[in-house]
Amino acid sequence: MEKLKSKDLENIIGGFSVWMGIGIAAIVVFLAGVLEGITNPNKCGE
């Protein structure tokens, strides 16, 4: 097994980032809103 130098470690792309977490959370919240709108439709202003 070869040890990687710091420079080599900086060049590795991938993994889970904060932006991916925010994006996944946004999609989940959006889908929850869509499902709530379908199952519990309310008119605007009520």
PDB file of N, CA and C in Angstrom:
ATOM      1  N   MET A   1       0.848  -1.163   0.000  1.00  0.00           N
ATOM      2  CA  MET A   1       0.000   0.000   0.000  1.00  0.00           C
ATOM      3  C   MET A   1       0.901   1.236   0.000  1.00  0.00           C
ATOM      4  N   GLU A   2       0.503   2.223  -0.795  1.00  0.00           N
ATOM      5  CA  GLU A   2       1.315   3.427  -0.930  1.00  0.00           C
ATOM      6  C   GLU A   2       0.705   4.564  -0.115  1.00  0.00           C
ATOM      7  N   LYS A   3       1.546   5.280   0.615  1.00  0.00           N
ATOM      8  CA  LYS A   3       1.066   6.444   1.367  1.00  0.00           C
ATOM      9  C   LYS A   3       0.954   7.626   0.420  1.00  0.00           C
ATOM     10  N   LEU A   4      -0.158   8.354   0.522  1.00  0.00           N
ATOM     11  CA  LEU A   4      -0.356   9.515  -0.324  1.00  0.00           C
ATOM     12  C   LEU A   4       0.195  10.764   0.359  1.00  0.00           C
ATOM     13  N   LYS A   5       0.730  11.653  -0.452  1.00  0.00           N
ATOM     14  CA  LYS A   5       1.234  12.915   0.073  1.00  0.00           C
ATOM     15  C   LYS A   5       0.062  13.895   0.179  1.00  0.00           C
ATOM     16  N   SER A   6       0.262  14.965   0.908  1.00  0.00           N
ATOM     17  CA  SER A   6      -0.797  15.968   1.107  1.00  0.00           C
ATOM     18  C   SER A   6      -1.285  16.523  -0.225  1.00  0.00           C
ATOM     19  N   LYS A   7      -0.373  16.735  -1.148  1.00  0.00           N
ATOM     20  CA  LYS A   7      -0.759  17.278  -2.448  1.00  0.00           C
ATOM     21  C   LYS A   7      -1.661  16.305  -3.204  1.00  0.00           C
ATOM     22  N   ASP A   8      -1.354  15.028  -3.100  1.00  0.00           N
ATOM     23  CA  ASP A   8      -2.173  14.016  -3.761  1.00  0.00           C
ATOM     24  C   ASP A   8      -3.562  13.944  -3.128  1.00  0.00           C
ATOM     25  N   LEU A   9      -3.633  14.094  -1.798  1.00  0.00           N
ATOM     26  CA  LEU A   9      -4.922  14.034  -1.113  1.00  0.00           C
ATOM     27  C   LEU A   9      -5.822  15.201  -1.508  1.00  0.00           C
ATOM     28  N   GLU A  10      -5.229  16.375  -1.763  1.00  0.00           N
ATOM     29  CA  GLU A  10      -6.013  17.545  -2.162  1.00  0.00           C
ATOM     30  C   GLU A  10      -6.638  17.372  -3.544  1.00  0.00           C
ATOM     31  N   ASN A  11      -6.039  16.540  -4.384  1.00  0.00           N
ATOM     32  CA  ASN A  11      -6.523  16.359  -5.745  1.00  0.00           C
ATOM     33  C   ASN A  11      -7.630  15.318  -5.861  1.00  0.00           C
ATOM     34  N   ILE A  12      -7.936  14.613  -4.768  1.00  0.00           N
ATOM     35  CA  ILE A  12      -8.979  13.601  -4.812  1.00  0.00           C
ATOM     36  C   ILE A  12     -10.340  14.297  -4.805  1.00  0.00           C
ATOM     37  N   ILE A  13     -11.186  13.953  -5.772  1.00  0.00           N
ATOM     38  CA  ILE A  13     -12.518  14.552  -5.890  1.00  0.00           C
ATOM     39  C   ILE A  13     -13.545  13.484  -5.545  1.00  0.00           C
ATOM     40  N   GLY A  14     -14.520  13.861  -4.738  1.00  0.00           N
ATOM     41  CA  GLY A  14     -15.566  12.910  -4.392  1.00  0.00           C
ATOM     42  C   GLY A  14     -15.950  13.038  -2.938  1.00  0.00           C
ATOM     43  N   GLY A  15     -16.843  12.169  -2.528  1.00  0.00           N
ATOM     44  CA  GLY A  15     -17.276  12.182  -1.145  1.00  0.00           C
ATOM     45  C   GLY A  15     -18.528  13.015  -0.956  1.00  0.00           C
ATOM     46  N   PHE A  16     -18.911  13.173   0.280  1.00  0.00           N
ATOM     47  CA  PHE A  16     -20.131  13.881   0.640  1.00  0.00           C
ATOM     48  C   PHE A  16     -19.760  15.280   1.093  1.00  0.00           C
ATOM     49  N   SER A  17     -20.340  16.298   0.479  1.00  0.00           N
ATOM     50  CA  SER A  17     -20.040  17.668   0.857  1.00  0.00           C
ATOM     51  C   SER A  17     -21.254  18.316   1.521  1.00  0.00           C
ATOM     52  N   VAL A  18     -21.027  19.480   2.083  1.00  0.00           N
ATOM     53  CA  VAL A  18     -22.102  20.222   2.740  1.00  0.00           C
ATOM     54  C   VAL A  18     -23.181  20.586   1.724  1.00  0.00           C
ATOM     55  N   TRP A  19     -22.766  20.958   0.527  1.00  0.00           N
ATOM     56  CA  TRP A  19     -23.744  21.350  -0.503  1.00  0.00           C
ATOM     57  C   TRP A  19     -24.613  20.174  -0.919  1.00  0.00           C
ATOM     58  N   MET A  20     -24.056  18.982  -0.928  1.00  0.00           N
ATOM     59  CA  MET A  20     -24.867  17.803  -1.245  1.00  0.00           C
ATOM     60  C   MET A  20     -25.912  17.577  -0.157  1.00  0.00           C
ATOM     61  N   GLY A  21     -25.524  17.765   1.083  1.00  0.00           N
ATOM     62  CA  GLY A  21     -26.459  17.616   2.196  1.00  0.00           C
ATOM     63  C   GLY A  21     -27.587  18.631   2.124  1.00  0.00           C
ATOM     64  N   ILE A  22     -27.240  19.878   1.798  1.00  0.00           N
ATOM     65  CA  ILE A  22     -28.263  20.924   1.665  1.00  0.00           C
ATOM     66  C   ILE A  22     -29.192  20.604   0.500  1.00  0.00           C
ATOM     67  N   GLY A  23     -28.645  20.131  -0.603  1.00  0.00           N
ATOM     68  CA  GLY A  23     -29.461  19.785  -1.770  1.00  0.00           C
ATOM     69  C   GLY A  23     -30.417  18.635  -1.480  1.00  0.00           C
ATOM     70  N   ILE A  24     -29.929  17.622  -0.810  1.00  0.00           N
ATOM     71  CA  ILE A  24     -30.783  16.481  -0.471  1.00  0.00           C
ATOM     72  C   ILE A  24     -31.887  16.917   0.486  1.00  0.00           C
ATOM     73  N   ALA A  25     -31.538  17.746   1.472  1.00  0.00           N
ATOM     74  CA  ALA A  25     -32.544  18.245   2.417  1.00  0.00           C
ATOM     75  C   ALA A  25     -33.597  19.086   1.695  1.00  0.00           C
ATOM     76  N   ALA A  26     -33.187  19.911   0.739  1.00  0.00           N
ATOM     77  CA  ALA A  26     -34.129  20.737  -0.016  1.00  0.00           C
ATOM     78  C   ALA A  26     -35.089  19.868  -0.824  1.00  0.00           C
ATOM     79  N   ILE A  27     -34.586  18.815  -1.429  1.00  0.00           N
ATOM     80  CA  ILE A  27     -35.439  17.913  -2.211  1.00  0.00           C
ATOM     81  C   ILE A  27     -36.443  17.213  -1.306  1.00  0.00           C
ATOM     82  N   VAL A  28     -36.000  16.762  -0.136  1.00  0.00           N
ATOM     83  CA  VAL A  28     -36.897  16.086   0.798  1.00  0.00           C
ATOM     84  C   VAL A  28     -37.999  17.032   1.265  1.00  0.00           C
ATOM     85  N   VAL A  29     -37.634  18.272   1.603  1.00  0.00           N
ATOM     86  CA  VAL A  29     -38.630  19.247   2.058  1.00  0.00           C
ATOM     87  C   VAL A  29     -39.616  19.565   0.940  1.00  0.00           C
ATOM     88  N   PHE A  30     -39.131  19.707  -0.281  1.00  0.00           N
ATOM     89  CA  PHE A  30     -40.015  19.992  -1.415  1.00  0.00           C
ATOM     90  C   PHE A  30     -40.997  18.849  -1.640  1.00  0.00           C
ATOM     91  N   LEU A  31     -40.497  17.618  -1.624  1.00  0.00           N
ATOM     92  CA  LEU A  31     -41.374  16.465  -1.833  1.00  0.00           C
ATOM     93  C   LEU A  31     -42.384  16.321  -0.702  1.00  0.00           C
ATOM     94  N   ALA A  32     -41.985  16.644   0.524  1.00  0.00           N
ATOM     95  CA  ALA A  32     -42.923  16.598   1.641  1.00  0.00           C
ATOM     96  C   ALA A  32     -44.036  17.623   1.437  1.00  0.00           C
ATOM     97  N   GLY A  33     -43.701  18.803   0.935  1.00  0.00           N
ATOM     98  CA  GLY A  33     -44.706  19.819   0.653  1.00  0.00           C
ATOM     99  C   GLY A  33     -45.657  19.398  -0.457  1.00  0.00           C
ATOM    100  N   VAL A  34     -45.127  18.771  -1.485  1.00  0.00           N
ATOM    101  CA  VAL A  34     -45.970  18.298  -2.587  1.00  0.00           C
ATOM    102  C   VAL A  34     -46.932  17.223  -2.083  1.00  0.00           C
ATOM    103  N   LEU A  35     -46.421  16.289  -1.303  1.00  0.00           N
ATOM    104  CA  LEU A  35     -47.288  15.228  -0.774  1.00  0.00           C
ATOM    105  C   LEU A  35     -48.354  15.795   0.168  1.00  0.00           C
ATOM    106  N   GLU A  36     -47.990  16.781   0.967  1.00  0.00           N
ATOM    107  CA  GLU A  36     -48.978  17.393   1.853  1.00  0.00           C
ATOM    108  C   GLU A  36     -50.040  18.127   1.041  1.00  0.00           C
ATOM    109  N   GLY A  37     -49.637  18.775  -0.017  1.00  0.00           N
ATOM    110  CA  GLY A  37     -50.590  19.465  -0.879  1.00  0.00           C
ATOM    111  C   GLY A  37     -51.550  18.508  -1.566  1.00  0.00           C
ATOM    112  N   ILE A  38     -51.082  17.335  -1.910  1.00  0.00           N
ATOM    113  CA  ILE A  38     -51.936  16.345  -2.563  1.00  0.00           C
ATOM    114  C   ILE A  38     -52.915  15.726  -1.558  1.00  0.00           C
ATOM    115  N   THR A  39     -52.408  15.405  -0.374  1.00  0.00           N
ATOM    116  CA  THR A  39     -53.246  14.703   0.600  1.00  0.00           C
ATOM    117  C   THR A  39     -54.138  15.639   1.410  1.00  0.00           C
ATOM    118  N   ASN A  40     -53.779  16.915   1.513  1.00  0.00           N
ATOM    119  CA  ASN A  40     -54.543  17.859   2.327  1.00  0.00           C
ATOM    120  C   ASN A  40     -54.701  19.164   1.573  1.00  0.00           C
ATOM    121  N   PRO A  41     -55.479  19.185   0.483  1.00  0.00           N
ATOM    122  CA  PRO A  41     -55.578  20.410  -0.312  1.00  0.00           C
ATOM    123  C   PRO A  41     -56.419  21.477   0.411  1.00  0.00           C
ATOM    124  N   ASN A  42     -55.887  22.666   0.505  1.00  0.00           N
ATOM    125  CA  ASN A  42     -56.586  23.817   1.079  1.00  0.00           C
ATOM    126  C   ASN A  42     -56.601  24.936   0.054  1.00  0.00           C
ATOM    127  N   LYS A  43     -57.702  25.696   0.032  1.00  0.00           N
ATOM    128  CA  LYS A  43     -57.755  26.844  -0.842  1.00  0.00           C
ATOM    129  C   LYS A  43     -56.899  27.955  -0.253  1.00  0.00           C
ATOM    130  N   CYS A  44     -56.423  28.813  -1.107  1.00  0.00           N
ATOM    131  CA  CYS A  44     -55.598  29.928  -0.652  1.00  0.00           C
ATOM    132  C   CYS A  44     -56.437  30.877   0.196  1.00  0.00           C
ATOM    133  N   GLY A  45     -55.871  31.409   1.251  1.00  0.00           N
ATOM    134  CA  GLY A  45     -56.561  32.383   2.095  1.00  0.00           C
ATOM    135  C   GLY A  45     -57.422  31.769   3.178  1.00  0.00           C
ATOM    136  N   GLU A  46     -57.332  30.496   3.385  1.00  0.00           N
ATOM    137  CA  GLU A  46     -58.136  29.860   4.446  1.00  0.00           C
ATOM    138  C   GLU A  46     -57.270  29.558   5.638  1.00  0.00           C
TER     139      GLU A  46
END
